[in-house]
Amino acid sequence: MSAEQTSVIDTLESEAAELAREADLSIFFADGQALAEAWQESTMTDRRMLLGCVLKSLTITPARRQGDHTPIMDRIVPEWVA
């Protein structure tokens, strides 16, 4: 792939990510039941898109020590968009 093609792809991916963040998902946040139903009916791709819209970043904190048995879900720190 040429440098120009790579640049165009990078630009389009950035624009798509920004558009996804700007999507109006307020209907889901106002109605927890609608969100739960949408989540259950969604594909893995849809779920990733939804998470990408509401998460700015996701950090997994390091283990406290070697052999630490802290569940991974207890080490996840989400940074929400709003």
N, C-alpha and C. Protein backbone atom coordinates (compact mmCIF):
# COMPACT_ATOMS: atom_id res chain seq x y z
N MET A 1 0.85 -1.17 0.00
CA MET A 1 0.00 0.00 0.00
C MET A 1 0.90 1.24 0.00
N SER A 2 0.52 2.23 -0.78
CA SER A 2 1.33 3.44 -0.86
C SER A 2 1.10 4.32 0.37
N ALA A 3 2.01 5.25 0.56
CA ALA A 3 1.90 6.18 1.69
C ALA A 3 0.64 7.02 1.57
N GLU A 4 0.29 7.38 0.34
CA GLU A 4 -0.92 8.19 0.12
C GLU A 4 -2.17 7.40 0.49
N GLN A 5 -2.23 6.13 0.11
CA GLN A 5 -3.38 5.29 0.45
C GLN A 5 -3.49 5.11 1.97
N THR A 6 -2.35 4.89 2.59
CA THR A 6 -2.33 4.74 4.05
C THR A 6 -2.82 6.01 4.73
N SER A 7 -2.41 7.15 4.21
CA SER A 7 -2.85 8.43 4.77
C SER A 7 -4.35 8.61 4.62
N VAL A 8 -4.90 8.26 3.47
CA VAL A 8 -6.34 8.38 3.23
C VAL A 8 -7.10 7.46 4.18
N ILE A 9 -6.63 6.24 4.34
CA ILE A 9 -7.29 5.29 5.24
C ILE A 9 -7.26 5.81 6.67
N ASP A 10 -6.11 6.31 7.10
CA ASP A 10 -6.00 6.86 8.46
C ASP A 10 -6.97 8.02 8.67
N THR A 11 -7.08 8.89 7.69
CA THR A 11 -7.97 10.03 7.78
C THR A 11 -9.42 9.57 7.87
N LEU A 12 -9.80 8.62 7.04
CA LEU A 12 -11.17 8.11 7.05
C LEU A 12 -11.49 7.41 8.37
N GLU A 13 -10.55 6.67 8.91
CA GLU A 13 -10.77 6.01 10.19
C GLU A 13 -10.95 7.02 11.31
N SER A 14 -10.16 8.10 11.28
CA SER A 14 -10.30 9.16 12.28
C SER A 14 -11.66 9.84 12.18
N GLU A 15 -12.09 10.12 10.95
CA GLU A 15 -13.38 10.76 10.75
C GLU A 15 -14.52 9.84 11.18
N ALA A 16 -14.41 8.56 10.90
CA ALA A 16 -15.44 7.60 11.31
C ALA A 16 -15.52 7.51 12.82
N ALA A 17 -14.37 7.52 13.48
CA ALA A 17 -14.35 7.46 14.95
C ALA A 17 -15.01 8.70 15.54
N GLU A 18 -14.74 9.85 14.96
CA GLU A 18 -15.34 11.10 15.45
C GLU A 18 -16.85 11.11 15.22
N LEU A 19 -17.28 10.65 14.07
CA LEU A 19 -18.71 10.58 13.80
C LEU A 19 -19.41 9.62 14.76
N ALA A 20 -18.76 8.52 15.07
CA ALA A 20 -19.34 7.55 16.00
C ALA A 20 -19.49 8.17 17.38
N ARG A 21 -18.52 8.95 17.80
CA ARG A 21 -18.58 9.60 19.11
C ARG A 21 -19.69 10.65 19.15
N GLU A 22 -19.99 11.25 18.01
CA GLU A 22 -21.00 12.30 17.96
C GLU A 22 -22.41 11.74 17.77
N ALA A 23 -22.54 10.43 17.57
CA ALA A 23 -23.86 9.83 17.35
C ALA A 23 -24.75 10.07 18.57
N ASP A 24 -26.01 10.31 18.31
CA ASP A 24 -26.95 10.56 19.41
C ASP A 24 -27.46 9.23 19.94
N LEU A 25 -26.92 8.82 21.07
CA LEU A 25 -27.33 7.58 21.70
C LEU A 25 -28.17 7.85 22.94
N SER A 26 -28.66 9.08 23.07
CA SER A 26 -29.39 9.46 24.28
C SER A 26 -30.63 8.60 24.52
N ILE A 27 -31.22 8.08 23.45
CA ILE A 27 -32.39 7.23 23.62
C ILE A 27 -32.07 6.02 24.49
N PHE A 28 -30.86 5.48 24.34
CA PHE A 28 -30.46 4.32 25.13
C PHE A 28 -30.21 4.69 26.59
N PHE A 29 -29.64 5.86 26.82
CA PHE A 29 -29.31 6.24 28.19
C PHE A 29 -30.56 6.63 28.97
N ALA A 30 -31.58 7.09 28.27
CA ALA A 30 -32.82 7.46 28.93
C ALA A 30 -33.66 6.23 29.28
N ASP A 31 -33.44 5.15 28.56
CA ASP A 31 -34.25 3.94 28.74
C ASP A 31 -33.33 2.73 28.86
N GLY A 32 -33.07 2.34 30.09
CA GLY A 32 -32.17 1.21 30.34
C GLY A 32 -32.67 -0.07 29.71
N GLN A 33 -33.98 -0.25 29.64
CA GLN A 33 -34.55 -1.45 29.03
C GLN A 33 -34.24 -1.48 27.53
N ALA A 34 -34.34 -0.33 26.86
CA ALA A 34 -34.03 -0.26 25.43
C ALA A 34 -32.56 -0.59 25.20
N LEU A 35 -31.69 -0.09 26.07
CA LEU A 35 -30.26 -0.38 25.95
C LEU A 35 -30.00 -1.87 26.13
N ALA A 36 -30.62 -2.48 27.14
CA ALA A 36 -30.43 -3.91 27.39
C ALA A 36 -30.91 -4.74 26.20
N GLU A 37 -32.05 -4.37 25.64
CA GLU A 37 -32.58 -5.10 24.48
C GLU A 37 -31.68 -4.93 23.26
N ALA A 38 -31.22 -3.71 23.03
CA ALA A 38 -30.33 -3.46 21.89
C ALA A 38 -29.04 -4.24 22.04
N TRP A 39 -28.51 -4.30 23.26
CA TRP A 39 -27.27 -5.03 23.52
C TRP A 39 -27.46 -6.52 23.24
N GLN A 40 -28.57 -7.09 23.71
CA GLN A 40 -28.84 -8.51 23.52
C GLN A 40 -28.99 -8.88 22.05
N GLU A 41 -29.57 -7.98 21.27
CA GLU A 41 -29.82 -8.25 19.86
C GLU A 41 -28.65 -7.89 18.95
N SER A 42 -27.64 -7.23 19.49
CA SER A 42 -26.54 -6.73 18.66
C SER A 42 -25.49 -7.81 18.41
N THR A 43 -24.78 -7.61 17.31
CA THR A 43 -23.66 -8.49 16.97
C THR A 43 -22.42 -7.98 17.70
N MET A 44 -21.35 -8.75 17.66
CA MET A 44 -20.10 -8.34 18.29
C MET A 44 -19.61 -7.03 17.67
N THR A 45 -19.76 -6.88 16.37
CA THR A 45 -19.35 -5.65 15.69
C THR A 45 -20.16 -4.46 16.20
N ASP A 46 -21.48 -4.66 16.34
CA ASP A 46 -22.34 -3.60 16.86
C ASP A 46 -21.95 -3.23 18.29
N ARG A 47 -21.66 -4.23 19.10
CA ARG A 47 -21.28 -3.97 20.50
C ARG A 47 -19.97 -3.18 20.57
N ARG A 48 -19.04 -3.53 19.72
CA ARG A 48 -17.77 -2.79 19.70
C ARG A 48 -18.01 -1.34 19.29
N MET A 49 -18.91 -1.13 18.31
CA MET A 49 -19.22 0.22 17.87
C MET A 49 -19.87 1.01 19.00
N LEU A 50 -20.83 0.39 19.70
CA LEU A 50 -21.49 1.07 20.81
C LEU A 50 -20.50 1.44 21.91
N LEU A 51 -19.63 0.51 22.25
CA LEU A 51 -18.61 0.80 23.27
C LEU A 51 -17.67 1.90 22.79
N GLY A 52 -17.32 1.88 21.51
CA GLY A 52 -16.45 2.91 20.97
C GLY A 52 -17.08 4.29 21.03
N CYS A 53 -18.40 4.34 21.01
CA CYS A 53 -19.11 5.62 21.08
C CYS A 53 -19.12 6.20 22.48
N VAL A 54 -19.07 5.37 23.49
CA VAL A 54 -19.21 5.86 24.86
C VAL A 54 -17.92 5.81 25.68
N LEU A 55 -16.90 5.12 25.16
CA LEU A 55 -15.63 5.03 25.89
C LEU A 55 -14.56 5.88 25.23
N LYS A 56 -13.90 6.69 26.03
CA LYS A 56 -12.76 7.46 25.54
C LYS A 56 -11.52 6.58 25.59
N SER A 57 -11.38 5.85 26.70
CA SER A 57 -10.27 4.90 26.83
C SER A 57 -10.63 3.84 27.86
N LEU A 58 -9.87 2.77 27.83
CA LEU A 58 -10.07 1.67 28.77
C LEU A 58 -8.69 1.24 29.23
N THR A 59 -8.45 1.35 30.52
CA THR A 59 -7.14 1.03 31.08
C THR A 59 -7.26 -0.20 31.97
N ILE A 60 -6.31 -1.10 31.83
CA ILE A 60 -6.23 -2.24 32.73
C ILE A 60 -5.02 -1.99 33.62
N THR A 61 -5.28 -1.83 34.89
CA THR A 61 -4.19 -1.54 35.82
C THR A 61 -3.31 -2.78 35.97
N PRO A 62 -2.03 -2.57 36.23
CA PRO A 62 -1.12 -3.71 36.35
C PRO A 62 -1.41 -4.52 37.62
N ALA A 63 -1.00 -5.75 37.58
CA ALA A 63 -1.13 -6.61 38.77
C ALA A 63 -0.28 -6.03 39.89
N ARG A 64 -0.73 -6.23 41.11
CA ARG A 64 0.01 -5.70 42.26
C ARG A 64 1.34 -6.40 42.45
N ARG A 65 1.34 -7.67 42.09
CA ARG A 65 2.56 -8.49 42.23
C ARG A 65 2.42 -9.69 41.32
N GLN A 66 3.50 -10.38 41.11
CA GLN A 66 3.46 -11.60 40.30
C GLN A 66 2.55 -12.62 40.98
N GLY A 67 1.67 -13.23 40.23
CA GLY A 67 0.76 -14.20 40.79
C GLY A 67 -0.49 -13.60 41.39
N ASP A 68 -0.68 -12.28 41.22
CA ASP A 68 -1.85 -11.59 41.75
C ASP A 68 -3.11 -12.20 41.13
N HIS A 69 -4.05 -12.59 41.96
CA HIS A 69 -5.29 -13.23 41.49
C HIS A 69 -6.47 -12.28 41.44
N THR A 70 -6.21 -10.97 41.45
CA THR A 70 -7.29 -9.99 41.35
C THR A 70 -8.00 -10.20 40.01
N PRO A 71 -9.33 -10.35 40.02
CA PRO A 71 -10.05 -10.53 38.77
C PRO A 71 -9.82 -9.36 37.82
N ILE A 72 -9.68 -9.65 36.55
CA ILE A 72 -9.39 -8.63 35.55
C ILE A 72 -10.47 -7.54 35.54
N MET A 73 -11.72 -7.92 35.78
CA MET A 73 -12.81 -6.93 35.78
C MET A 73 -12.63 -5.90 36.90
N ASP A 74 -11.94 -6.27 37.97
CA ASP A 74 -11.67 -5.33 39.06
C ASP A 74 -10.51 -4.40 38.74
N ARG A 75 -9.77 -4.72 37.68
CA ARG A 75 -8.61 -3.90 37.30
C ARG A 75 -8.89 -3.01 36.10
N ILE A 76 -10.09 -3.07 35.55
CA ILE A 76 -10.44 -2.25 34.39
C ILE A 76 -10.94 -0.89 34.86
N VAL A 77 -10.37 0.16 34.25
CA VAL A 77 -10.75 1.54 34.58
C VAL A 77 -11.22 2.21 33.28
N PRO A 78 -12.54 2.37 33.13
CA PRO A 78 -13.05 3.02 31.91
C PRO A 78 -12.99 4.54 32.05
N GLU A 79 -12.75 5.21 30.95
CA GLU A 79 -12.89 6.68 30.89
C GLU A 79 -13.99 6.95 29.89
N TRP A 80 -15.13 7.40 30.39
CA TRP A 80 -16.31 7.61 29.58
C TRP A 80 -16.21 8.91 28.79
N VAL A 81 -16.85 8.98 27.66
CA VAL A 81 -16.83 10.17 26.81
C VAL A 81 -17.45 11.36 27.53
N ALA A 82 -18.57 11.18 28.15
CA ALA A 82 -19.22 12.30 28.84
C ALA A 82 -19.63 11.92 30.23
